[in-house]
Amino acid sequence: MPNDKDVENIVNMAFANNWQLLSHTNGDAAADQLISAVAKASAKYGNEDRRTTLVHGQLVRMDQLSQMKKYDIAGSFFPMHTFYWGDWYKK
């Protein structure tokens, strides 16, 4: 997993250039990393019409859903991923 500073730099670059960000965030720790980076970038650049997308949102926690809503982060959900790969996540 990339470190927090690298993720923040990528999100800041996207926000500074008005690029839509689609982030493959497979797991709740990765979702936390993205949400935190988006929160910081939103404070700096605004968050109007960003359409940031959190890919593999099927693994987010309930508390993360409210944060995603707050920062207008759309979740791309693939629940069958956990059916096919669920045992791997338990390791």
PDB file of N, CA and C in Angstrom:
ATOM      1  N   MET A   1       0.850  -1.173   0.000  1.00  0.00           N
ATOM      2  CA  MET A   1       0.000   0.000   0.000  1.00  0.00           C
ATOM      3  C   MET A   1       0.897   1.238   0.000  1.00  0.00           C
ATOM      4  N   PRO A   2       0.566   2.234  -0.817  1.00  0.00           N
ATOM      5  CA  PRO A   2       1.366   3.467  -0.842  1.00  0.00           C
ATOM      6  C   PRO A   2       1.246   4.211   0.483  1.00  0.00           C
ATOM      7  N   ASN A   3       2.242   5.031   0.777  1.00  0.00           N
ATOM      8  CA  ASN A   3       2.166   5.791   2.024  1.00  0.00           C
ATOM      9  C   ASN A   3       1.208   6.974   1.869  1.00  0.00           C
ATOM     10  N   ASP A   4       0.786   7.516   2.994  1.00  0.00           N
ATOM     11  CA  ASP A   4      -0.215   8.582   2.997  1.00  0.00           C
ATOM     12  C   ASP A   4       0.217   9.801   2.182  1.00  0.00           C
ATOM     13  N   LYS A   5       1.482  10.168   2.286  1.00  0.00           N
ATOM     14  CA  LYS A   5       1.971  11.360   1.578  1.00  0.00           C
ATOM     15  C   LYS A   5       1.886  11.181   0.066  1.00  0.00           C
ATOM     16  N   ASP A   6       2.212   9.986  -0.430  1.00  0.00           N
ATOM     17  CA  ASP A   6       2.108   9.728  -1.868  1.00  0.00           C
ATOM     18  C   ASP A   6       0.659   9.844  -2.334  1.00  0.00           C
ATOM     19  N   VAL A   7      -0.257   9.292  -1.563  1.00  0.00           N
ATOM     20  CA  VAL A   7      -1.682   9.365  -1.924  1.00  0.00           C
ATOM     21  C   VAL A   7      -2.141  10.819  -1.903  1.00  0.00           C
ATOM     22  N   GLU A   8      -1.749  11.562  -0.885  1.00  0.00           N
ATOM     23  CA  GLU A   8      -2.127  12.987  -0.803  1.00  0.00           C
ATOM     24  C   GLU A   8      -1.575  13.762  -1.996  1.00  0.00           C
ATOM     25  N   ASN A   9      -0.350  13.482  -2.406  1.00  0.00           N
ATOM     26  CA  ASN A   9       0.234  14.171  -3.565  1.00  0.00           C
ATOM     27  C   ASN A   9      -0.553  13.880  -4.845  1.00  0.00           C
ATOM     28  N   ILE A  10      -0.948  12.644  -5.036  1.00  0.00           N
ATOM     29  CA  ILE A  10      -1.720  12.271  -6.234  1.00  0.00           C
ATOM     30  C   ILE A  10      -3.090  12.935  -6.210  1.00  0.00           C
ATOM     31  N   VAL A  11      -3.768  12.898  -5.066  1.00  0.00           N
ATOM     32  CA  VAL A  11      -5.092  13.519  -4.961  1.00  0.00           C
ATOM     33  C   VAL A  11      -4.981  15.027  -5.150  1.00  0.00           C
ATOM     34  N   ASN A  12      -3.974  15.649  -4.558  1.00  0.00           N
ATOM     35  CA  ASN A  12      -3.782  17.094  -4.747  1.00  0.00           C
ATOM     36  C   ASN A  12      -3.544  17.438  -6.212  1.00  0.00           C
ATOM     37  N   MET A  13      -2.741  16.630  -6.899  1.00  0.00           N
ATOM     38  CA  MET A  13      -2.490  16.881  -8.319  1.00  0.00           C
ATOM     39  C   MET A  13      -3.798  16.799  -9.120  1.00  0.00           C
ATOM     40  N   ALA A  14      -4.607  15.797  -8.814  1.00  0.00           N
ATOM     41  CA  ALA A  14      -5.887  15.652  -9.518  1.00  0.00           C
ATOM     42  C   ALA A  14      -6.802  16.838  -9.237  1.00  0.00           C
ATOM     43  N   PHE A  15      -6.909  17.227  -7.975  1.00  0.00           N
ATOM     44  CA  PHE A  15      -7.785  18.346  -7.628  1.00  0.00           C
ATOM     45  C   PHE A  15      -7.272  19.655  -8.228  1.00  0.00           C
ATOM     46  N   ALA A  16      -5.976  19.879  -8.193  1.00  0.00           N
ATOM     47  CA  ALA A  16      -5.400  21.115  -8.735  1.00  0.00           C
ATOM     48  C   ALA A  16      -5.651  21.241 -10.230  1.00  0.00           C
ATOM     49  N   ASN A  17      -5.730  20.111 -10.929  1.00  0.00           N
ATOM     50  CA  ASN A  17      -5.926  20.121 -12.383  1.00  0.00           C
ATOM     51  C   ASN A  17      -7.359  19.812 -12.811  1.00  0.00           C
ATOM     52  N   ASN A  18      -8.255  19.718 -11.841  1.00  0.00           N
ATOM     53  CA  ASN A  18      -9.661  19.386 -12.119  1.00  0.00           C
ATOM     54  C   ASN A  18      -9.806  18.061 -12.863  1.00  0.00           C
ATOM     55  N   TRP A  19      -8.996  17.093 -12.490  1.00  0.00           N
ATOM     56  CA  TRP A  19      -9.108  15.758 -13.074  1.00  0.00           C
ATOM     57  C   TRP A  19     -10.033  14.919 -12.216  1.00  0.00           C
ATOM     58  N   GLN A  20     -10.858  14.114 -12.881  1.00  0.00           N
ATOM     59  CA  GLN A  20     -11.665  13.163 -12.132  1.00  0.00           C
ATOM     60  C   GLN A  20     -10.743  12.060 -11.607  1.00  0.00           C
ATOM     61  N   LEU A  21     -10.955  11.671 -10.374  1.00  0.00           N
ATOM     62  CA  LEU A  21     -10.098  10.676  -9.733  1.00  0.00           C
ATOM     63  C   LEU A  21     -10.889   9.394  -9.510  1.00  0.00           C
ATOM     64  N   LEU A  22     -10.408   8.299 -10.088  1.00  0.00           N
ATOM     65  CA  LEU A  22     -10.970   6.973  -9.852  1.00  0.00           C
ATOM     66  C   LEU A  22      -9.884   6.164  -9.160  1.00  0.00           C
ATOM     67  N   SER A  23     -10.101   5.837  -7.903  1.00  0.00           N
ATOM     68  CA  SER A  23      -9.069   5.219  -7.095  1.00  0.00           C
ATOM     69  C   SER A  23      -9.438   3.793  -6.717  1.00  0.00           C
ATOM     70  N   HIS A  24      -8.561   2.863  -7.030  1.00  0.00           N
ATOM     71  CA  HIS A  24      -8.750   1.456  -6.692  1.00  0.00           C
ATOM     72  C   HIS A  24      -8.382   1.292  -5.220  1.00  0.00           C
ATOM     73  N   THR A  25      -9.378   1.215  -4.372  1.00  0.00           N
ATOM     74  CA  THR A  25      -9.176   1.196  -2.922  1.00  0.00           C
ATOM     75  C   THR A  25      -9.731  -0.110  -2.369  1.00  0.00           C
ATOM     76  N   ASN A  26      -8.960  -1.131  -2.471  1.00  0.00           N
ATOM     77  CA  ASN A  26      -9.411  -2.465  -2.099  1.00  0.00           C
ATOM     78  C   ASN A  26      -9.147  -2.719  -0.620  1.00  0.00           C
ATOM     79  N   GLY A  27     -10.108  -2.351   0.222  1.00  0.00           N
ATOM     80  CA  GLY A  27      -9.999  -2.545   1.665  1.00  0.00           C
ATOM     81  C   GLY A  27     -10.300  -1.270   2.417  1.00  0.00           C
ATOM     82  N   ASP A  28     -10.679  -1.424   3.685  1.00  0.00           N
ATOM     83  CA  ASP A  28     -11.073  -0.255   4.456  1.00  0.00           C
ATOM     84  C   ASP A  28      -9.899   0.659   4.791  1.00  0.00           C
ATOM     85  N   ALA A  29      -8.691   0.125   4.917  1.00  0.00           N
ATOM     86  CA  ALA A  29      -7.523   0.981   5.172  1.00  0.00           C
ATOM     87  C   ALA A  29      -7.225   1.859   3.957  1.00  0.00           C
ATOM     88  N   ALA A  30      -7.338   1.287   2.776  1.00  0.00           N
ATOM     89  CA  ALA A  30      -7.133   2.068   1.547  1.00  0.00           C
ATOM     90  C   ALA A  30      -8.232   3.122   1.406  1.00  0.00           C
ATOM     91  N   ALA A  31      -9.456   2.768   1.776  1.00  0.00           N
ATOM     92  CA  ALA A  31     -10.554   3.738   1.731  1.00  0.00           C
ATOM     93  C   ALA A  31     -10.280   4.882   2.707  1.00  0.00           C
ATOM     94  N   ASP A  32      -9.806   4.563   3.910  1.00  0.00           N
ATOM     95  CA  ASP A  32      -9.444   5.608   4.875  1.00  0.00           C
ATOM     96  C   ASP A  32      -8.399   6.553   4.289  1.00  0.00           C
ATOM     97  N   GLN A  33      -7.421   5.977   3.613  1.00  0.00           N
ATOM     98  CA  GLN A  33      -6.343   6.774   3.018  1.00  0.00           C
ATOM     99  C   GLN A  33      -6.905   7.731   1.969  1.00  0.00           C
ATOM    100  N   LEU A  34      -7.764   7.229   1.094  1.00  0.00           N
ATOM    101  CA  LEU A  34      -8.345   8.081   0.055  1.00  0.00           C
ATOM    102  C   LEU A  34      -9.241   9.158   0.666  1.00  0.00           C
ATOM    103  N   ILE A  35     -10.112   8.771   1.588  1.00  0.00           N
ATOM    104  CA  ILE A  35     -11.036   9.733   2.190  1.00  0.00           C
ATOM    105  C   ILE A  35     -10.270  10.855   2.880  1.00  0.00           C
ATOM    106  N   SER A  36      -9.230  10.507   3.607  1.00  0.00           N
ATOM    107  CA  SER A  36      -8.408  11.513   4.289  1.00  0.00           C
ATOM    108  C   SER A  36      -7.750  12.463   3.289  1.00  0.00           C
ATOM    109  N   ALA A  37      -7.213  11.911   2.214  1.00  0.00           N
ATOM    110  CA  ALA A  37      -6.557  12.741   1.197  1.00  0.00           C
ATOM    111  C   ALA A  37      -7.565  13.658   0.498  1.00  0.00           C
ATOM    112  N   VAL A  38      -8.756  13.138   0.212  1.00  0.00           N
ATOM    113  CA  VAL A  38      -9.800  13.951  -0.428  1.00  0.00           C
ATOM    114  C   VAL A  38     -10.249  15.062   0.517  1.00  0.00           C
ATOM    115  N   ALA A  39     -10.366  14.764   1.805  1.00  0.00           N
ATOM    116  CA  ALA A  39     -10.764  15.790   2.773  1.00  0.00           C
ATOM    117  C   ALA A  39      -9.768  16.955   2.761  1.00  0.00           C
ATOM    118  N   LYS A  40      -8.481  16.622   2.760  1.00  0.00           N
ATOM    119  CA  LYS A  40      -7.442  17.662   2.750  1.00  0.00           C
ATOM    120  C   LYS A  40      -7.444  18.439   1.429  1.00  0.00           C
ATOM    121  N   ALA A  41      -7.570  17.736   0.316  1.00  0.00           N
ATOM    122  CA  ALA A  41      -7.582  18.406  -0.994  1.00  0.00           C
ATOM    123  C   ALA A  41      -8.835  19.255  -1.160  1.00  0.00           C
ATOM    124  N   SER A  42      -9.958  18.788  -0.636  1.00  0.00           N
ATOM    125  CA  SER A  42     -11.208  19.551  -0.711  1.00  0.00           C
ATOM    126  C   SER A  42     -11.087  20.877   0.011  1.00  0.00           C
ATOM    127  N   ALA A  43     -10.426  20.858   1.170  1.00  0.00           N
ATOM    128  CA  ALA A  43     -10.237  22.088   1.932  1.00  0.00           C
ATOM    129  C   ALA A  43      -9.363  23.083   1.165  1.00  0.00           C
ATOM    130  N   LYS A  44      -8.437  22.560   0.384  1.00  0.00           N
ATOM    131  CA  LYS A  44      -7.503  23.418  -0.343  1.00  0.00           C
ATOM    132  C   LYS A  44      -8.049  23.878  -1.696  1.00  0.00           C
ATOM    133  N   TYR A  45      -8.711  22.971  -2.424  1.00  0.00           N
ATOM    134  CA  TYR A  45      -9.114  23.251  -3.805  1.00  0.00           C
ATOM    135  C   TYR A  45     -10.630  23.310  -4.016  1.00  0.00           C
ATOM    136  N   GLY A  46     -11.408  23.002  -3.008  1.00  0.00           N
ATOM    137  CA  GLY A  46     -12.853  22.894  -3.181  1.00  0.00           C
ATOM    138  C   GLY A  46     -13.204  21.513  -3.710  1.00  0.00           C
ATOM    139  N   ASN A  47     -14.493  21.213  -3.704  1.00  0.00           N
ATOM    140  CA  ASN A  47     -14.903  19.868  -4.099  1.00  0.00           C
ATOM    141  C   ASN A  47     -16.109  19.889  -5.017  1.00  0.00           C
ATOM    142  N   GLU A  48     -16.265  20.953  -5.766  1.00  0.00           N
ATOM    143  CA  GLU A  48     -17.426  21.076  -6.637  1.00  0.00           C
ATOM    144  C   GLU A  48     -17.245  20.262  -7.919  1.00  0.00           C
ATOM    145  N   ASP A  49     -18.164  19.365  -8.173  1.00  0.00           N
ATOM    146  CA  ASP A  49     -18.222  18.564  -9.402  1.00  0.00           C
ATOM    147  C   ASP A  49     -16.938  17.769  -9.656  1.00  0.00           C
ATOM    148  N   ARG A  50     -16.404  17.159  -8.627  1.00  0.00           N
ATOM    149  CA  ARG A  50     -15.176  16.364  -8.763  1.00  0.00           C
ATOM    150  C   ARG A  50     -15.464  14.953  -9.259  1.00  0.00           C
ATOM    151  N   ARG A  51     -16.531  14.352  -8.789  1.00  0.00           N
ATOM    152  CA  ARG A  51     -16.936  12.977  -9.142  1.00  0.00           C
ATOM    153  C   ARG A  51     -15.844  11.954  -8.806  1.00  0.00           C
ATOM    154  N   THR A  52     -15.177  12.157  -7.683  1.00  0.00           N
ATOM    155  CA  THR A  52     -14.187  11.187  -7.214  1.00  0.00           C
ATOM    156  C   THR A  52     -14.884   9.843  -6.998  1.00  0.00           C
ATOM    157  N   THR A  53     -14.244   8.783  -7.462  1.00  0.00           N
ATOM    158  CA  THR A  53     -14.835   7.448  -7.351  1.00  0.00           C
ATOM    159  C   THR A  53     -13.907   6.521  -6.592  1.00  0.00           C
ATOM    160  N   LEU A  54     -14.475   5.840  -5.615  1.00  0.00           N
ATOM    161  CA  LEU A  54     -13.762   4.857  -4.816  1.00  0.00           C
ATOM    162  C   LEU A  54     -14.128   3.478  -5.367  1.00  0.00           C
ATOM    163  N   VAL A  55     -13.201   2.874  -6.080  1.00  0.00           N
ATOM    164  CA  VAL A  55     -13.437   1.577  -6.719  1.00  0.00           C
ATOM    165  C   VAL A  55     -13.209   0.467  -5.693  1.00  0.00           C
ATOM    166  N   HIS A  56     -14.017  -0.538  -5.718  1.00  0.00           N
ATOM    167  CA  HIS A  56     -14.046  -1.653  -4.758  1.00  0.00           C
ATOM    168  C   HIS A  56     -14.601  -1.185  -3.419  1.00  0.00           C
ATOM    169  N   GLY A  57     -15.652  -0.406  -3.477  1.00  0.00           N
ATOM    170  CA  GLY A  57     -16.286   0.104  -2.267  1.00  0.00           C
ATOM    171  C   GLY A  57     -17.026  -0.946  -1.457  1.00  0.00           C
ATOM    172  N   GLN A  58     -17.092  -2.170  -1.940  1.00  0.00           N
ATOM    173  CA  GLN A  58     -17.804  -3.204  -1.198  1.00  0.00           C
ATOM    174  C   GLN A  58     -17.125  -3.519   0.134  1.00  0.00           C
ATOM    175  N   LEU A  59     -15.922  -3.045   0.342  1.00  0.00           N
ATOM    176  CA  LEU A  59     -15.195  -3.346   1.569  1.00  0.00           C
ATOM    177  C   LEU A  59     -15.130  -2.165   2.535  1.00  0.00           C
ATOM    178  N   VAL A  60     -15.872  -1.087   2.258  1.00  0.00           N
ATOM    179  CA  VAL A  60     -15.858   0.049   3.178  1.00  0.00           C
ATOM    180  C   VAL A  60     -16.721  -0.266   4.402  1.00  0.00           C
ATOM    181  N   ARG A  61     -16.398   0.421   5.502  1.00  0.00           N
ATOM    182  CA  ARG A  61     -17.171   0.297   6.732  1.00  0.00           C
ATOM    183  C   ARG A  61     -18.345   1.275   6.686  1.00  0.00           C
ATOM    184  N   MET A  62     -19.311   1.069   7.553  1.00  0.00           N
ATOM    185  CA  MET A  62     -20.486   1.938   7.599  1.00  0.00           C
ATOM    186  C   MET A  62     -20.088   3.393   7.891  1.00  0.00           C
ATOM    187  N   ASP A  63     -19.136   3.612   8.792  1.00  0.00           N
ATOM    188  CA  ASP A  63     -18.734   4.978   9.111  1.00  0.00           C
ATOM    189  C   ASP A  63     -18.060   5.656   7.917  1.00  0.00           C
ATOM    190  N   GLN A  64     -17.459   4.878   7.049  1.00  0.00           N
ATOM    191  CA  GLN A  64     -16.819   5.457   5.873  1.00  0.00           C
ATOM    192  C   GLN A  64     -17.854   5.921   4.851  1.00  0.00           C
ATOM    193  N   LEU A  65     -19.014   5.292   4.824  1.00  0.00           N
ATOM    194  CA  LEU A  65     -20.064   5.715   3.886  1.00  0.00           C
ATOM    195  C   LEU A  65     -20.490   7.155   4.151  1.00  0.00           C
ATOM    196  N   SER A  66     -20.621   7.528   5.418  1.00  0.00           N
ATOM    197  CA  SER A  66     -21.015   8.914   5.724  1.00  0.00           C
ATOM    198  C   SER A  66     -19.907   9.895   5.340  1.00  0.00           C
ATOM    199  N   GLN A  67     -18.653   9.486   5.496  1.00  0.00           N
ATOM    200  CA  GLN A  67     -17.534  10.343   5.069  1.00  0.00           C
ATOM    201  C   GLN A  67     -17.516  10.465   3.553  1.00  0.00           C
ATOM    202  N   MET A  68     -17.784   9.369   2.857  1.00  0.00           N
ATOM    203  CA  MET A  68     -17.836   9.416   1.393  1.00  0.00           C
ATOM    204  C   MET A  68     -18.922  10.379   0.935  1.00  0.00           C
ATOM    205  N   LYS A  69     -20.061  10.333   1.598  1.00  0.00           N
ATOM    206  CA  LYS A  69     -21.151  11.248   1.245  1.00  0.00           C
ATOM    207  C   LYS A  69     -20.729  12.698   1.487  1.00  0.00           C
ATOM    208  N   LYS A  70     -20.087  12.941   2.613  1.00  0.00           N
ATOM    209  CA  LYS A  70     -19.661  14.302   2.967  1.00  0.00           C
ATOM    210  C   LYS A  70     -18.755  14.902   1.897  1.00  0.00           C
ATOM    211  N   TYR A  71     -17.873  14.090   1.325  1.00  0.00           N
ATOM    212  CA  TYR A  71     -16.913  14.581   0.329  1.00  0.00           C
ATOM    213  C   TYR A  71     -17.305  14.214  -1.101  1.00  0.00           C
ATOM    214  N   ASP A  72     -18.550  13.822  -1.295  1.00  0.00           N
ATOM    215  CA  ASP A  72     -19.077  13.476  -2.626  1.00  0.00           C
ATOM    216  C   ASP A  72     -18.215  12.439  -3.339  1.00  0.00           C
ATOM    217  N   ILE A  73     -17.820  11.414  -2.620  1.00  0.00           N
ATOM    218  CA  ILE A  73     -17.054  10.321  -3.202  1.00  0.00           C
ATOM    219  C   ILE A  73     -18.040   9.213  -3.561  1.00  0.00           C
ATOM    220  N   ALA A  74     -18.091   8.892  -4.839  1.00  0.00           N
ATOM    221  CA  ALA A  74     -18.984   7.828  -5.293  1.00  0.00           C
ATOM    222  C   ALA A  74     -18.319   6.476  -5.063  1.00  0.00           C
ATOM    223  N   GLY A  75     -19.093   5.517  -4.664  1.00  0.00           N
ATOM    224  CA  GLY A  75     -18.567   4.169  -4.471  1.00  0.00           C
ATOM    225  C   GLY A  75     -18.907   3.293  -5.667  1.00  0.00           C
ATOM    226  N   SER A  76     -17.919   2.601  -6.164  1.00  0.00           N
ATOM    227  CA  SER A  76     -18.135   1.588  -7.199  1.00  0.00           C
ATOM    228  C   SER A  76     -18.071   0.249  -6.480  1.00  0.00           C
ATOM    229  N   PHE A  77     -19.205  -0.430  -6.408  1.00  0.00           N
ATOM    230  CA  PHE A  77     -19.318  -1.639  -5.594  1.00  0.00           C
ATOM    231  C   PHE A  77     -19.310  -2.893  -6.469  1.00  0.00           C
ATOM    232  N   PHE A  78     -18.611  -3.894  -6.032  1.00  0.00           N
ATOM    233  CA  PHE A  78     -18.528  -5.177  -6.728  1.00  0.00           C
ATOM    234  C   PHE A  78     -18.635  -6.276  -5.667  1.00  0.00           C
ATOM    235  N   PRO A  79     -19.843  -6.535  -5.166  1.00  0.00           N
ATOM    236  CA  PRO A  79     -19.993  -7.482  -4.064  1.00  0.00           C
ATOM    237  C   PRO A  79     -19.568  -8.901  -4.398  1.00  0.00           C
ATOM    238  N   MET A  80     -19.614  -9.295  -5.645  1.00  0.00           N
ATOM    239  CA  MET A  80     -19.194 -10.647  -5.987  1.00  0.00           C
ATOM    240  C   MET A  80     -17.691 -10.834  -5.790  1.00  0.00           C
ATOM    241  N   HIS A  81     -16.955  -9.740  -5.736  1.00  0.00           N
ATOM    242  CA  HIS A  81     -15.521  -9.821  -5.479  1.00  0.00           C
ATOM    243  C   HIS A  81     -15.269 -10.511  -4.140  1.00  0.00           C
ATOM    244  N   THR A  82     -16.074 -10.170  -3.126  1.00  0.00           N
ATOM    245  CA  THR A  82     -15.898 -10.789  -1.814  1.00  0.00           C
ATOM    246  C   THR A  82     -16.321 -12.259  -1.840  1.00  0.00           C
ATOM    247  N   PHE A  83     -17.276 -12.598  -2.703  1.00  0.00           N
ATOM    248  CA  PHE A  83     -17.672 -14.007  -2.834  1.00  0.00           C
ATOM    249  C   PHE A  83     -16.504 -14.830  -3.381  1.00  0.00           C
ATOM    250  N   TYR A  84     -15.879 -14.322  -4.433  1.00  0.00           N
ATOM    251  CA  TYR A  84     -14.803 -15.076  -5.072  1.00  0.00           C
ATOM    252  C   TYR A  84     -13.475 -14.985  -4.319  1.00  0.00           C
ATOM    253  N   TRP A  85     -13.197 -13.860  -3.679  1.00  0.00           N
ATOM    254  CA  TRP A  85     -11.905 -13.637  -3.043  1.00  0.00           C
ATOM    255  C   TRP A  85     -11.999 -13.489  -1.532  1.00  0.00           C
ATOM    256  N   GLY A  86     -13.156 -13.705  -0.938  1.00  0.00           N
ATOM    257  CA  GLY A  86     -13.373 -13.484   0.486  1.00  0.00           C
ATOM    258  C   GLY A  86     -12.413 -14.238   1.385  1.00  0.00           C
ATOM    259  N   ASP A  87     -12.106 -15.476   1.055  1.00  0.00           N
ATOM    260  CA  ASP A  87     -11.175 -16.257   1.885  1.00  0.00           C
ATOM    261  C   ASP A  87      -9.794 -15.622   1.905  1.00  0.00           C
ATOM    262  N   TRP A  88      -9.393 -15.038   0.807  1.00  0.00           N
ATOM    263  CA  TRP A  88      -8.084 -14.383   0.740  1.00  0.00           C
ATOM    264  C   TRP A  88      -8.027 -13.203   1.710  1.00  0.00           C
ATOM    265  N   TYR A  89      -9.133 -12.453   1.844  1.00  0.00           N
ATOM    266  CA  TYR A  89      -9.163 -11.277   2.730  1.00  0.00           C
ATOM    267  C   TYR A  89      -9.060 -11.665   4.201  1.00  0.00           C
ATOM    268  N   LYS A  90      -9.448 -12.872   4.541  1.00  0.00           N
ATOM    269  CA  LYS A  90      -9.392 -13.308   5.942  1.00  0.00           C
ATOM    270  C   LYS A  90      -7.972 -13.624   6.385  1.00  0.00           C
ATOM    271  N   LYS A  91      -7.031 -13.725   5.476  1.00  0.00           N
ATOM    272  CA  LYS A  91      -5.652 -14.068   5.826  1.00  0.00           C
ATOM    273  C   LYS A  91      -4.935 -12.931   6.516  1.00  0.00           C
TER     274      LYS A  91
END
